[in-house]
């Protein structure tokens, strides 16, 4: 039960996060590693550490980290935190066998959002 409460708090923090450093910390609390956040944004691990410390982030990376956050919140309606991080790293047939995390990095978050919405509605990949 404590794990479920921790996950619920992590998603609440993610919903409230506005600054990049708050988003990074909330994504980490959900279960994303800095390496996964870097992969989703197309940045380096070092950049993610800097965002976490300072909140200073370039516009393109900021957009991608927000997409990762928003899609994670969408998936939280039906998945556990661990399931969400796994979903982003797994190949997805609704995305032509590509990984959602890679598509966000290539600025195709809308396709990932549609696949996530399909999953929430019951389409299993």
C-alpha atoms as a PDB file:
ATOM      1  CA  UNK A   1       0.000   0.000   0.000  1.00  0.00           C
ATOM      2  CA  UNK A   2       2.844   2.402   0.757  1.00  0.00           C
ATOM      3  CA  UNK A   3       4.152   1.943  -2.800  1.00  0.00           C
ATOM      4  CA  UNK A   4       0.746   2.860  -4.248  1.00  0.00           C
ATOM      5  CA  UNK A   5       0.608   5.984  -2.076  1.00  0.00           C
ATOM      6  CA  UNK A   6       4.135   6.948  -3.164  1.00  0.00           C
ATOM      7  CA  UNK A   7       3.170   6.540  -6.837  1.00  0.00           C
ATOM      8  CA  UNK A   8       0.006   8.594  -6.340  1.00  0.00           C
ATOM      9  CA  UNK A   9       2.052  11.381  -4.751  1.00  0.00           C
ATOM     10  CA  UNK A  10       4.601  11.215  -7.585  1.00  0.00           C
ATOM     11  CA  UNK A  11       1.861  11.685 -10.191  1.00  0.00           C
ATOM     12  CA  UNK A  12       0.318  14.507  -8.178  1.00  0.00           C
ATOM     13  CA  UNK A  13       3.723  16.212  -8.103  1.00  0.00           C
ATOM     14  CA  UNK A  14       4.043  15.635 -11.849  1.00  0.00           C
ATOM     15  CA  UNK A  15       0.660  17.285 -12.468  1.00  0.00           C
ATOM     16  CA  UNK A  16       1.707  20.307 -10.392  1.00  0.00           C
ATOM     17  CA  UNK A  17       5.212  20.663 -11.867  1.00  0.00           C
ATOM     18  CA  UNK A  18       5.784  23.773 -13.959  1.00  0.00           C
ATOM     19  CA  UNK A  19       9.529  24.440 -13.967  1.00  0.00           C
ATOM     20  CA  UNK A  20      11.858  22.020 -15.726  1.00  0.00           C
ATOM     21  CA  UNK A  21      13.646  21.083 -12.505  1.00  0.00           C
ATOM     22  CA  UNK A  22      10.316  20.193 -10.867  1.00  0.00           C
ATOM     23  CA  UNK A  23       9.288  18.122 -13.904  1.00  0.00           C
ATOM     24  CA  UNK A  24      12.586  16.208 -13.898  1.00  0.00           C
ATOM     25  CA  UNK A  25      12.307  15.468 -10.176  1.00  0.00           C
ATOM     26  CA  UNK A  26       8.676  14.373 -10.559  1.00  0.00           C
ATOM     27  CA  UNK A  27       9.505  12.123 -13.533  1.00  0.00           C
ATOM     28  CA  UNK A  28      12.314  10.566 -11.477  1.00  0.00           C
ATOM     29  CA  UNK A  29       9.875   9.995  -8.602  1.00  0.00           C
ATOM     30  CA  UNK A  30       7.510   8.248 -11.037  1.00  0.00           C
ATOM     31  CA  UNK A  31      10.380   5.945 -11.991  1.00  0.00           C
ATOM     32  CA  UNK A  32      12.069   7.427 -15.042  1.00  0.00           C
ATOM     33  CA  UNK A  33      15.855   7.407 -14.971  1.00  0.00           C
ATOM     34  CA  UNK A  34      17.872  10.402 -16.089  1.00  0.00           C
ATOM     35  CA  UNK A  35      18.996   8.284 -19.025  1.00  0.00           C
ATOM     36  CA  UNK A  36      15.367   7.690 -20.084  1.00  0.00           C
ATOM     37  CA  UNK A  37      14.549  11.386 -19.727  1.00  0.00           C
ATOM     38  CA  UNK A  38      17.615  12.221 -21.819  1.00  0.00           C
ATOM     39  CA  UNK A  39      16.559   9.693 -24.485  1.00  0.00           C
ATOM     40  CA  UNK A  40      13.045  11.159 -24.651  1.00  0.00           C
ATOM     41  CA  UNK A  41      14.317  14.699 -25.031  1.00  0.00           C
ATOM     42  CA  UNK A  42      17.283  13.992 -27.296  1.00  0.00           C
ATOM     43  CA  UNK A  43      19.594  15.511 -24.688  1.00  0.00           C
ATOM     44  CA  UNK A  44      22.503  14.128 -22.688  1.00  0.00           C
ATOM     45  CA  UNK A  45      22.363  12.715 -19.169  1.00  0.00           C
ATOM     46  CA  UNK A  46      24.434  15.703 -18.075  1.00  0.00           C
ATOM     47  CA  UNK A  47      21.830  18.104 -19.470  1.00  0.00           C
ATOM     48  CA  UNK A  48      19.119  16.340 -17.465  1.00  0.00           C
ATOM     49  CA  UNK A  49      21.224  16.682 -14.305  1.00  0.00           C
ATOM     50  CA  UNK A  50      21.631  20.397 -15.047  1.00  0.00           C
ATOM     51  CA  UNK A  51      17.878  20.848 -15.598  1.00  0.00           C
ATOM     52  CA  UNK A  52      17.225  19.118 -12.301  1.00  0.00           C
ATOM     53  CA  UNK A  53      19.624  21.438 -10.513  1.00  0.00           C
ATOM     54  CA  UNK A  54      18.870  24.757 -12.222  1.00  0.00           C
ATOM     55  CA  UNK A  55      15.633  24.498 -14.200  1.00  0.00           C
ATOM     56  CA  UNK A  56      17.399  26.147 -17.160  1.00  0.00           C
ATOM     57  CA  UNK A  57      16.369  24.325 -20.341  1.00  0.00           C
ATOM     58  CA  UNK A  58      16.251  25.085 -24.077  1.00  0.00           C
ATOM     59  CA  UNK A  59      12.835  25.425 -25.687  1.00  0.00           C
ATOM     60  CA  UNK A  60      13.002  22.226 -27.791  1.00  0.00           C
ATOM     61  CA  UNK A  61      13.975  20.116 -24.786  1.00  0.00           C
ATOM     62  CA  UNK A  62      11.367  21.823 -22.641  1.00  0.00           C
ATOM     63  CA  UNK A  63       8.638  20.875 -25.118  1.00  0.00           C
ATOM     64  CA  UNK A  64       9.751  17.232 -25.179  1.00  0.00           C
ATOM     65  CA  UNK A  65      10.010  16.901 -21.410  1.00  0.00           C
ATOM     66  CA  UNK A  66       6.506  18.326 -21.090  1.00  0.00           C
ATOM     67  CA  UNK A  67       5.230  15.845 -23.688  1.00  0.00           C
ATOM     68  CA  UNK A  68       6.815  12.996 -21.705  1.00  0.00           C
ATOM     69  CA  UNK A  69       5.141  14.329 -18.567  1.00  0.00           C
ATOM     70  CA  UNK A  70       1.699  14.778 -20.127  1.00  0.00           C
ATOM     71  CA  UNK A  71       1.654  11.385 -21.827  1.00  0.00           C
ATOM     72  CA  UNK A  72       2.800   9.769 -18.571  1.00  0.00           C
ATOM     73  CA  UNK A  73      -0.145  11.373 -16.783  1.00  0.00           C
ATOM     74  CA  UNK A  74      -2.508  10.076 -19.473  1.00  0.00           C
ATOM     75  CA  UNK A  75      -1.175   6.545 -19.023  1.00  0.00           C
ATOM     76  CA  UNK A  76      -1.412   6.829 -15.232  1.00  0.00           C
ATOM     77  CA  UNK A  77      -5.181   6.416 -15.592  1.00  0.00           C
ATOM     78  CA  UNK A  78      -4.677   2.691 -16.233  1.00  0.00           C
ATOM     79  CA  UNK A  79      -1.040   1.790 -15.560  1.00  0.00           C
ATOM     80  CA  UNK A  80       1.349   1.610 -12.652  1.00  0.00           C
ATOM     81  CA  UNK A  81       4.390   3.882 -12.591  1.00  0.00           C
ATOM     82  CA  UNK A  82       6.627   0.952 -13.497  1.00  0.00           C
ATOM     83  CA  UNK A  83       4.299  -0.024 -16.339  1.00  0.00           C
ATOM     84  CA  UNK A  84       4.493   3.501 -17.725  1.00  0.00           C
ATOM     85  CA  UNK A  85       8.276   3.592 -17.841  1.00  0.00           C
ATOM     86  CA  UNK A  86       8.256   0.156 -19.488  1.00  0.00           C
ATOM     87  CA  UNK A  87       5.614   1.263 -22.026  1.00  0.00           C
ATOM     88  CA  UNK A  88       7.793   4.169 -23.149  1.00  0.00           C
ATOM     89  CA  UNK A  89      10.817   1.892 -23.676  1.00  0.00           C
ATOM     90  CA  UNK A  90       9.037  -1.003 -25.405  1.00  0.00           C
ATOM     91  CA  UNK A  91       8.431  -1.318 -29.126  1.00  0.00           C
ATOM     92  CA  UNK A  92       4.830  -0.522 -29.950  1.00  0.00           C
ATOM     93  CA  UNK A  93       2.880  -1.933 -32.885  1.00  0.00           C
ATOM     94  CA  UNK A  94       0.658   1.165 -33.015  1.00  0.00           C
ATOM     95  CA  UNK A  95       3.856   3.116 -33.677  1.00  0.00           C
ATOM     96  CA  UNK A  96       5.141   0.830 -36.412  1.00  0.00           C
ATOM     97  CA  UNK A  97       7.346  -1.106 -34.009  1.00  0.00           C
ATOM     98  CA  UNK A  98       9.110   2.001 -32.758  1.00  0.00           C
ATOM     99  CA  UNK A  99       9.642   2.944 -29.128  1.00  0.00           C
ATOM    100  CA  UNK A 100       7.545   5.849 -27.799  1.00  0.00           C
ATOM    101  CA  UNK A 101      10.572   7.381 -26.081  1.00  0.00           C
ATOM    102  CA  UNK A 102      12.403   7.586 -29.432  1.00  0.00           C
ATOM    103  CA  UNK A 103       9.475   9.223 -31.213  1.00  0.00           C
ATOM    104  CA  UNK A 104       9.198  11.955 -28.588  1.00  0.00           C
ATOM    105  CA  UNK A 105      12.891  12.709 -29.118  1.00  0.00           C
ATOM    106  CA  UNK A 106      12.171  13.046 -32.856  1.00  0.00           C
ATOM    107  CA  UNK A 107       9.315  15.506 -32.208  1.00  0.00           C
ATOM    108  CA  UNK A 108       6.546  13.023 -33.008  1.00  0.00           C
ATOM    109  CA  UNK A 109       4.863  13.175 -29.611  1.00  0.00           C
ATOM    110  CA  UNK A 110       1.420  13.383 -31.214  1.00  0.00           C
ATOM    111  CA  UNK A 111       1.737   9.810 -32.531  1.00  0.00           C
ATOM    112  CA  UNK A 112       2.813   8.699 -29.046  1.00  0.00           C
ATOM    113  CA  UNK A 113      -0.122  10.543 -27.492  1.00  0.00           C
ATOM    114  CA  UNK A 114      -2.537   8.745 -29.874  1.00  0.00           C
ATOM    115  CA  UNK A 115      -0.973   5.363 -29.045  1.00  0.00           C
ATOM    116  CA  UNK A 116      -1.220   6.115 -25.317  1.00  0.00           C
ATOM    117  CA  UNK A 117      -4.861   7.142 -25.672  1.00  0.00           C
ATOM    118  CA  UNK A 118      -5.557   3.922 -27.594  1.00  0.00           C
ATOM    119  CA  UNK A 119      -3.911   1.919 -24.820  1.00  0.00           C
ATOM    120  CA  UNK A 120      -5.974   3.665 -22.151  1.00  0.00           C
ATOM    121  CA  UNK A 121      -9.100   2.929 -24.196  1.00  0.00           C
ATOM    122  CA  UNK A 122      -8.209  -0.766 -24.333  1.00  0.00           C
ATOM    123  CA  UNK A 123      -6.004  -1.341 -27.387  1.00  0.00           C
ATOM    124  CA  UNK A 124      -3.180  -3.579 -26.192  1.00  0.00           C
ATOM    125  CA  UNK A 125       0.090  -3.513 -28.046  1.00  0.00           C
END
